[in-house]
Protein backbone atom coordinates (compact mmCIF):
# COMPACT_ATOMS: atom_id res chain seq x y z
CA UNK A 1 -0.08 0.05 0.09
CA UNK A 2 2.88 2.33 0.80
CA UNK A 3 4.49 1.67 -2.64
CA UNK A 4 1.22 2.28 -4.32
CA UNK A 5 0.38 5.63 -2.65
CA UNK A 6 4.13 6.71 -2.52
CA UNK A 7 4.12 8.09 -6.06
CA UNK A 8 0.83 10.02 -5.41
CA UNK A 9 2.33 11.62 -2.29
CA UNK A 10 5.69 12.37 -3.92
CA UNK A 11 5.69 16.14 -4.64
CA UNK A 12 8.31 15.72 -7.52
CA UNK A 13 6.05 13.34 -9.38
CA UNK A 14 4.79 14.94 -12.52
CA UNK A 15 1.14 15.74 -12.45
CA UNK A 16 -0.76 14.81 -15.66
CA UNK A 17 -2.35 17.89 -17.21
CA UNK A 18 -5.96 16.56 -16.76
CA UNK A 19 -5.37 16.04 -13.01
CA UNK A 20 -3.87 19.58 -12.57
CA UNK A 21 -7.16 21.25 -13.33
CA UNK A 22 -6.10 22.49 -16.87
CA UNK A 23 -8.88 20.87 -18.78
CA UNK A 24 -10.02 24.01 -20.31
CA UNK A 25 -6.49 24.91 -21.41
CA UNK A 26 -6.10 21.49 -23.11
CA UNK A 27 -9.50 21.88 -24.79
CA UNK A 28 -8.20 25.19 -26.39
CA UNK A 29 -4.73 23.68 -27.22
CA UNK A 30 -6.48 20.97 -29.04
CA UNK A 31 -9.20 22.88 -30.66
CA UNK A 32 -7.00 25.40 -32.13
CA UNK A 33 -3.95 23.14 -32.69
CA UNK A 34 -1.58 25.21 -30.70
CA UNK A 35 1.76 23.67 -30.86
CA UNK A 36 3.21 24.96 -27.73
CA UNK A 37 1.53 25.58 -24.34
CA UNK A 38 3.59 28.95 -24.17
CA UNK A 39 1.57 30.30 -27.01
CA UNK A 40 -1.59 29.80 -24.89
CA UNK A 41 -0.02 31.15 -21.80
CA UNK A 42 1.14 34.29 -23.77
CA UNK A 43 -2.38 34.78 -25.14
CA UNK A 44 -3.85 34.41 -21.47
CA UNK A 45 -1.35 37.10 -20.31
CA UNK A 46 -2.23 39.48 -23.06
CA UNK A 47 -5.95 39.12 -22.55
CA UNK A 48 -5.62 39.63 -18.72
CA UNK A 49 -3.57 42.77 -19.63
CA UNK A 50 -6.39 44.03 -21.86
CA UNK A 51 -8.98 43.53 -19.27
CA UNK A 52 -6.90 45.17 -16.59
CA UNK A 53 -6.16 48.18 -18.79
CA UNK A 54 -10.17 48.41 -19.44
CA UNK A 55 -10.76 48.09 -15.67
CA UNK A 56 -8.30 51.02 -14.90
CA UNK A 57 -9.73 53.16 -17.57
CA UNK A 58 -13.22 52.43 -16.24
CA UNK A 59 -12.10 53.30 -12.54
CA UNK A 60 -10.68 56.76 -13.50
CA UNK A 61 -12.21 59.59 -11.42
CA UNK A 62 -15.18 61.81 -12.45
CA UNK A 63 -13.14 64.94 -12.74
CA UNK A 64 -13.44 66.78 -16.07
CA UNK A 65 -9.72 66.26 -16.89
CA UNK A 66 -10.02 62.42 -16.25
CA UNK A 67 -13.19 62.29 -18.24
CA UNK A 68 -11.59 63.54 -21.37
CA UNK A 69 -8.63 61.29 -20.76
CA UNK A 70 -10.98 58.31 -20.30
CA UNK A 71 -12.92 59.07 -23.47
CA UNK A 72 -9.59 59.27 -25.48
CA UNK A 73 -8.20 56.17 -23.97
CA UNK A 74 -11.36 54.25 -24.49
CA UNK A 75 -11.52 55.12 -28.05
CA UNK A 76 -7.89 54.25 -28.59
CA UNK A 77 -8.07 50.90 -26.84
CA UNK A 78 -11.40 49.94 -28.74
CA UNK A 79 -9.94 51.10 -32.04
CA UNK A 80 -6.80 49.00 -31.54
CA UNK A 81 -8.68 45.84 -30.41
CA UNK A 82 -11.18 46.25 -33.21
CA UNK A 83 -8.50 46.58 -35.80
CA UNK A 84 -6.83 43.38 -34.28
CA UNK A 85 -10.21 41.55 -34.59
CA UNK A 86 -10.41 40.90 -30.88
CA UNK A 87 -13.69 42.71 -30.32
CA UNK A 88 -16.78 42.64 -32.76
CA UNK A 89 -17.42 46.49 -32.36
CA UNK A 90 -16.05 49.74 -31.13
CA UNK A 91 -19.22 50.47 -29.08
CA UNK A 92 -18.25 50.25 -25.37
CA UNK A 93 -15.54 49.43 -22.80
CA UNK A 94 -17.65 46.32 -21.87
CA UNK A 95 -16.24 44.62 -25.07
CA UNK A 96 -12.86 44.48 -23.45
CA UNK A 97 -14.02 42.26 -20.55
CA UNK A 98 -14.87 39.51 -23.12
CA UNK A 99 -11.31 39.46 -24.64
CA UNK A 100 -9.74 36.05 -23.76
CA UNK A 101 -7.05 33.72 -24.93
CA UNK A 102 -9.65 32.14 -27.23
CA UNK A 103 -10.14 35.54 -28.87
CA UNK A 104 -6.50 35.56 -29.93
CA UNK A 105 -6.75 31.93 -30.97
CA UNK A 106 -9.49 32.77 -33.30
CA UNK A 107 -7.29 35.47 -35.01
CA UNK A 108 -4.54 32.98 -35.96
CA UNK A 109 -4.11 32.14 -39.57
CA UNK A 110 -5.32 28.64 -39.57
CA UNK A 111 -8.65 29.59 -37.82
CA UNK A 112 -9.17 32.17 -40.48
CA UNK A 113 -8.49 29.69 -43.26
CA UNK A 114 -11.62 27.76 -41.95
CA UNK A 115 -13.67 30.94 -41.72
CA UNK A 116 -12.65 31.63 -45.36
CA UNK A 117 -13.53 28.15 -46.35
CA UNK A 118 -9.94 27.49 -47.67
CA UNK A 119 -9.64 24.35 -45.28
CA UNK A 120 -12.15 21.80 -44.13
CA UNK A 121 -10.69 21.30 -40.66
CA UNK A 122 -8.01 22.82 -38.32
CA UNK A 123 -5.54 20.04 -39.04
CA UNK A 124 -5.52 20.78 -42.67
CA UNK A 125 -5.33 24.56 -42.16
CA UNK A 126 -2.30 24.12 -40.02
CA UNK A 127 -0.80 21.73 -42.47
CA UNK A 128 -1.39 24.20 -45.45
CA UNK A 129 0.29 26.92 -43.51
CA UNK A 130 3.31 24.87 -42.55
CA UNK A 131 3.91 23.62 -46.00
CA UNK A 132 3.79 27.13 -47.50
CA UNK A 133 0.62 26.97 -49.46
CA UNK A 134 -0.76 30.23 -47.99
CA UNK A 135 0.34 33.76 -48.39
CA UNK A 136 -0.87 37.00 -46.70
CA UNK A 137 -0.24 39.75 -49.11
CA UNK A 138 2.96 39.17 -50.95
CA UNK A 139 4.57 37.14 -48.13
CA UNK A 140 4.35 33.39 -47.98
CA UNK A 141 3.53 32.45 -44.39
CA UNK A 142 4.81 29.21 -42.78
CA UNK A 143 4.08 30.09 -39.09
CA UNK A 144 0.54 29.04 -38.00
CA UNK A 145 0.83 31.27 -34.81
CA UNK A 146 0.52 34.41 -37.10
CA UNK A 147 -2.18 36.64 -35.77
CA UNK A 148 -4.11 38.22 -38.70
CA UNK A 149 -5.62 41.78 -38.30
CA UNK A 150 -8.90 42.64 -40.04
CA UNK A 151 -6.86 44.73 -42.61
CA UNK A 152 -4.60 41.70 -43.45
CA UNK A 153 -7.59 39.37 -43.55
CA UNK A 154 -8.54 40.43 -47.08
CA UNK A 155 -5.12 39.53 -48.40
CA UNK A 156 -5.12 35.82 -47.45
CA UNK A 157 -4.59 33.73 -50.71
CA UNK A 158 -3.16 30.61 -52.05
CA UNK A 159 0.45 30.83 -53.31
CA UNK A 160 0.88 30.80 -57.04
CA UNK A 161 2.99 27.59 -56.70
CA UNK A 162 0.48 25.82 -54.57
CA UNK A 163 -1.10 22.82 -56.02
CA UNK A 164 -3.97 22.68 -53.41
CA UNK A 165 -5.92 25.64 -54.95
CA UNK A 166 -5.46 27.72 -58.07
CA UNK A 167 -1.99 27.26 -59.18
CA UNK A 168 1.12 25.17 -59.64
CA UNK A 169 -0.40 22.48 -61.76
CA UNK A 170 0.08 21.88 -65.46
CA UNK A 171 -1.63 24.54 -67.77
CA UNK A 172 -4.56 23.29 -69.86
CA UNK A 173 -5.50 25.18 -73.04
């Protein structure tokens, strides 16, 4: 019995991710095909920073000087988040409270390939990007972790040499 329970009580024993309470994290890692856990951790840090900044802007005093600063800061933050595609509209500071790590994951290139119907599933989308079949503007992208802004979203296309869609094959007259 002591041998059986010894590994459970040993503090140096590595805890499996499911047992450490990271089920939500694992679900996101699998759903969006994140290759490194550090990517998810970074997105979490960024989303916390956005929410914290929104809270600080909201908590500014009611003095006329701070009201003007609050309005400018709110507009600047919402404009930046809207341009990045993290919030659906620039209507209010409440939008910032909904920014999460998943919001960042939804702006990754493979996820947008699904949205644009250029891939049937996330696995194929990641593979297309890694193999160099996708370009954003004139640049061929091979990093699936690329975050695509709203402005760049319109320039996602197949590369000219891609045999998947629209190029690279033999010309037929």
